[in-house]
Structures are given as C-alpha cells and as structure tokens.
Amino acid sequence: MIKKILIANRGEIACRVIKTAKKMGIKTVAVYSEADEYSKHVLEADESFYIGLAPAAESYLSIKKIIDAAKETNLSIPLVVRLAGTNEETGKEILKKSNLKIISANDLKDAAKKIIEKTK
C-alpha cells in the first residue's frame, strides 16, 4: 500500500496530484525551489522539501536533487510522481541511479478512479 509520495512537479499539476492523493489517503511531499517556497502546492502538501535555486535546471530538473529528496523524506515505497515534460530517457536515468519507482499523474488518477468505482 502506498502511504506517501513525493511530487517532483509544481503549480497546478502538483496541486491536482496532492488533491487526488489526499482523497486516496496518501500523504504527499512537495518539492520546491527558492522561488516557490510559498506556492500553493507547497502549502497544500503534508510535507515539503527544498531542492534549490529558482532556475529549473538547479532544482526541479536536477535528478540528483529529486533522488535526494525522495531518500530524505523516508517514503514508505520509493515512489515519485514524475515531472511533467520529462521524457522517458530522464525517467530511465532516475531509475538507474536509484531504487525509485516513477509514476505519472495519470497513473495516480487511474488508481483513484478504481477506488471510487469500488465504493459505488
């Protein structure tokens, strides 16, 4: 059972993932850059983790920083909701460098739909 996920994204996409995860009883960890410290996704998440300076290359797109955040937040299952716009090669690189599992926001949405269907 998934108990906590790290959301390697920001803005509206991260907020949607957080909302869905909360409905499913899953705790959330938002990562944030210097520019996003008080952003909605950071405030809505159960936990937050600083990953660097404002430029995306120094924060959200830094594979090392995402892996470090996942390890330091003690995820029950090493599971990261992948960055929107990351390609398959980037995902494979993350998997090679760590034991993280990568899911997309659509994977989470599909899981939520299944849970909702079971409760009808």
C-alpha atoms as a PDB file:
ATOM      1  CA  MET A   1       0.000   0.000   0.000  1.00  0.00           C
ATOM      2  CA  ILE A   2       1.299   3.413  -0.921  1.00  0.00           C
ATOM      3  CA  LYS A   3       1.461   5.671   2.130  1.00  0.00           C
ATOM      4  CA  LYS A   4       3.463   8.663   0.893  1.00  0.00           C
ATOM      5  CA  ILE A   5       4.578  10.020  -2.466  1.00  0.00           C
ATOM      6  CA  LEU A   6       6.978  12.740  -3.498  1.00  0.00           C
ATOM      7  CA  ILE A   7       5.671  15.049  -6.205  1.00  0.00           C
ATOM      8  CA  ALA A   8       8.515  16.229  -8.424  1.00  0.00           C
ATOM      9  CA  ASN A   9       6.473  18.976 -10.002  1.00  0.00           C
ATOM     10  CA  ARG A  10       4.957  22.324  -9.126  1.00  0.00           C
ATOM     11  CA  GLY A  11       1.962  24.509  -9.796  1.00  0.00           C
ATOM     12  CA  GLU A  12      -1.464  23.289 -10.833  1.00  0.00           C
ATOM     13  CA  ILE A  13      -0.322  19.794 -11.775  1.00  0.00           C
ATOM     14  CA  ALA A  14       1.197  19.265  -8.329  1.00  0.00           C
ATOM     15  CA  CYS A  15      -1.975  20.624  -6.682  1.00  0.00           C
ATOM     16  CA  ARG A  16      -4.123  18.158  -8.617  1.00  0.00           C
ATOM     17  CA  VAL A  17      -1.865  15.261  -7.645  1.00  0.00           C
ATOM     18  CA  ILE A  18      -1.959  16.366  -3.988  1.00  0.00           C
ATOM     19  CA  LYS A  19      -5.757  16.615  -4.032  1.00  0.00           C
ATOM     20  CA  THR A  20      -6.114  13.152  -5.571  1.00  0.00           C
ATOM     21  CA  ALA A  21      -3.580  11.614  -3.203  1.00  0.00           C
ATOM     22  CA  LYS A  22      -5.352  13.069  -0.165  1.00  0.00           C
ATOM     23  CA  LYS A  23      -8.667  11.586  -1.351  1.00  0.00           C
ATOM     24  CA  MET A  24      -6.877   8.249  -1.516  1.00  0.00           C
ATOM     25  CA  GLY A  25      -5.388   8.638   1.972  1.00  0.00           C
ATOM     26  CA  ILE A  26      -1.855   9.044   0.643  1.00  0.00           C
ATOM     27  CA  LYS A  27       0.495  11.545   2.295  1.00  0.00           C
ATOM     28  CA  THR A  28       2.289  13.956  -0.018  1.00  0.00           C
ATOM     29  CA  VAL A  29       5.706  15.587  -0.154  1.00  0.00           C
ATOM     30  CA  ALA A  30       6.088  18.658  -2.358  1.00  0.00           C
ATOM     31  CA  VAL A  31       9.486  19.730  -3.564  1.00  0.00           C
ATOM     32  CA  TYR A  32      10.099  23.414  -4.072  1.00  0.00           C
ATOM     33  CA  SER A  33      12.674  25.860  -5.323  1.00  0.00           C
ATOM     34  CA  GLU A  34      13.639  29.170  -3.811  1.00  0.00           C
ATOM     35  CA  ALA A  35      11.004  30.920  -5.951  1.00  0.00           C
ATOM     36  CA  ASP A  36       8.179  28.569  -4.911  1.00  0.00           C
ATOM     37  CA  GLU A  37       8.586  28.498  -1.134  1.00  0.00           C
ATOM     38  CA  TYR A  38       5.093  29.890  -0.510  1.00  0.00           C
ATOM     39  CA  SER A  39       3.368  28.412  -3.556  1.00  0.00           C
ATOM     40  CA  LYS A  40       0.028  26.659  -3.283  1.00  0.00           C
ATOM     41  CA  HIS A  41       1.432  23.164  -3.901  1.00  0.00           C
ATOM     42  CA  VAL A  42       3.948  23.597  -1.075  1.00  0.00           C
ATOM     43  CA  LEU A  43       1.293  24.822   1.351  1.00  0.00           C
ATOM     44  CA  GLU A  44      -1.207  22.068   0.434  1.00  0.00           C
ATOM     45  CA  ALA A  45       1.231  19.150   0.746  1.00  0.00           C
ATOM     46  CA  ASP A  46       1.671  17.258   4.010  1.00  0.00           C
ATOM     47  CA  GLU A  47       5.427  17.862   3.848  1.00  0.00           C
ATOM     48  CA  SER A  48       7.732  19.993   1.735  1.00  0.00           C
ATOM     49  CA  PHE A  49      11.379  19.709   0.776  1.00  0.00           C
ATOM     50  CA  TYR A  50      13.649  22.487  -0.533  1.00  0.00           C
ATOM     51  CA  ILE A  51      15.540  21.420  -3.664  1.00  0.00           C
ATOM     52  CA  GLY A  52      17.412  24.507  -4.788  1.00  0.00           C
ATOM     53  CA  LEU A  53      17.539  27.834  -6.541  1.00  0.00           C
ATOM     54  CA  ALA A  54      14.816  29.201  -8.815  1.00  0.00           C
ATOM     55  CA  PRO A  55      16.139  28.061 -12.215  1.00  0.00           C
ATOM     56  CA  ALA A  56      14.538  24.692 -13.014  1.00  0.00           C
ATOM     57  CA  ALA A  57      17.904  23.240 -14.036  1.00  0.00           C
ATOM     58  CA  GLU A  58      19.102  23.859 -10.475  1.00  0.00           C
ATOM     59  CA  SER A  59      16.015  22.412  -8.795  1.00  0.00           C
ATOM     60  CA  TYR A  60      13.096  20.608 -10.459  1.00  0.00           C
ATOM     61  CA  LEU A  61      15.136  19.196 -13.337  1.00  0.00           C
ATOM     62  CA  SER A  62      18.036  18.075 -11.145  1.00  0.00           C
ATOM     63  CA  ILE A  63      17.758  14.310 -10.967  1.00  0.00           C
ATOM     64  CA  LYS A  64      20.179  14.184  -8.034  1.00  0.00           C
ATOM     65  CA  LYS A  65      18.094  16.636  -6.008  1.00  0.00           C
ATOM     66  CA  ILE A  66      14.877  14.699  -6.669  1.00  0.00           C
ATOM     67  CA  ILE A  67      16.547  11.437  -5.642  1.00  0.00           C
ATOM     68  CA  ASP A  68      17.987  13.068  -2.502  1.00  0.00           C
ATOM     69  CA  ALA A  69      14.577  14.486  -1.598  1.00  0.00           C
ATOM     70  CA  ALA A  70      12.932  11.084  -2.026  1.00  0.00           C
ATOM     71  CA  LYS A  71      15.535   9.408   0.181  1.00  0.00           C
ATOM     72  CA  GLU A  72      15.479  12.070   2.893  1.00  0.00           C
ATOM     73  CA  THR A  73      11.685  12.136   3.226  1.00  0.00           C
ATOM     74  CA  ASN A  74      11.502   8.437   4.100  1.00  0.00           C
ATOM     75  CA  LEU A  75       8.928   7.345   1.562  1.00  0.00           C
ATOM     76  CA  SER A  76       7.338   4.037   2.565  1.00  0.00           C
ATOM     77  CA  ILE A  77       7.702   2.915  -1.033  1.00  0.00           C
ATOM     78  CA  PRO A  78      10.237   4.907  -3.016  1.00  0.00           C
ATOM     79  CA  LEU A  79       7.698   6.442  -5.372  1.00  0.00           C
ATOM     80  CA  VAL A  80       7.967   9.722  -7.214  1.00  0.00           C
ATOM     81  CA  VAL A  81       5.316  11.340  -9.356  1.00  0.00           C
ATOM     82  CA  ARG A  82       7.397  12.292 -12.357  1.00  0.00           C
ATOM     83  CA  LEU A  83       7.942  15.756 -13.653  1.00  0.00           C
ATOM     84  CA  ALA A  84       5.648  16.840 -16.431  1.00  0.00           C
ATOM     85  CA  GLY A  85       7.692  17.186 -19.542  1.00  0.00           C
ATOM     86  CA  THR A  86      10.387  14.737 -18.512  1.00  0.00           C
ATOM     87  CA  ASN A  87      10.947  12.258 -21.233  1.00  0.00           C
ATOM     88  CA  GLU A  88      11.300   8.516 -20.980  1.00  0.00           C
ATOM     89  CA  GLU A  89      15.107   8.745 -21.034  1.00  0.00           C
ATOM     90  CA  THR A  90      15.119  11.048 -17.995  1.00  0.00           C
ATOM     91  CA  GLY A  91      12.826   8.622 -16.174  1.00  0.00           C
ATOM     92  CA  LYS A  92      15.142   5.722 -17.023  1.00  0.00           C
ATOM     93  CA  GLU A  93      18.113   7.734 -15.765  1.00  0.00           C
ATOM     94  CA  ILE A  94      16.370   8.324 -12.430  1.00  0.00           C
ATOM     95  CA  LEU A  95      15.588   4.621 -12.126  1.00  0.00           C
ATOM     96  CA  LYS A  96      19.188   3.660 -12.935  1.00  0.00           C
ATOM     97  CA  LYS A  97      20.594   5.992 -10.281  1.00  0.00           C
ATOM     98  CA  SER A  98      18.227   4.956  -7.511  1.00  0.00           C
ATOM     99  CA  ASN A  99      15.659   2.416  -6.449  1.00  0.00           C
ATOM    100  CA  LEU A 100      12.825   4.887  -7.066  1.00  0.00           C
ATOM    101  CA  LYS A 101       9.678   3.959  -8.901  1.00  0.00           C
ATOM    102  CA  ILE A 102       8.295   6.631 -11.186  1.00  0.00           C
ATOM    103  CA  ILE A 103       4.583   7.134 -11.731  1.00  0.00           C
ATOM    104  CA  SER A 104       2.805   9.719 -13.795  1.00  0.00           C
ATOM    105  CA  ALA A 105      -0.052  11.908 -12.645  1.00  0.00           C
ATOM    106  CA  ASN A 106      -2.284   9.840 -14.955  1.00  0.00           C
ATOM    107  CA  ASP A 107      -1.294   6.655 -13.114  1.00  0.00           C
ATOM    108  CA  LEU A 108      -2.442   8.243  -9.861  1.00  0.00           C
ATOM    109  CA  LYS A 109      -5.677   9.450 -11.462  1.00  0.00           C
ATOM    110  CA  ASP A 110      -6.403   5.949 -12.806  1.00  0.00           C
ATOM    111  CA  ALA A 111      -5.818   4.434  -9.361  1.00  0.00           C
ATOM    112  CA  ALA A 112      -8.191   6.981  -7.806  1.00  0.00           C
ATOM    113  CA  LYS A 113     -10.880   6.131 -10.363  1.00  0.00           C
ATOM    114  CA  LYS A 114     -10.606   2.433  -9.458  1.00  0.00           C
ATOM    115  CA  ILE A 115     -11.031   3.219  -5.766  1.00  0.00           C
ATOM    116  CA  ILE A 116     -14.051   5.423  -6.486  1.00  0.00           C
ATOM    117  CA  GLU A 117     -15.628   2.707  -8.633  1.00  0.00           C
ATOM    118  CA  LYS A 118     -15.248   0.157  -5.807  1.00  0.00           C
ATOM    119  CA  THR A 119     -17.099   2.431  -3.388  1.00  0.00           C
ATOM    120  CA  LYS A 120     -20.156   2.824  -5.644  1.00  0.00           C
END
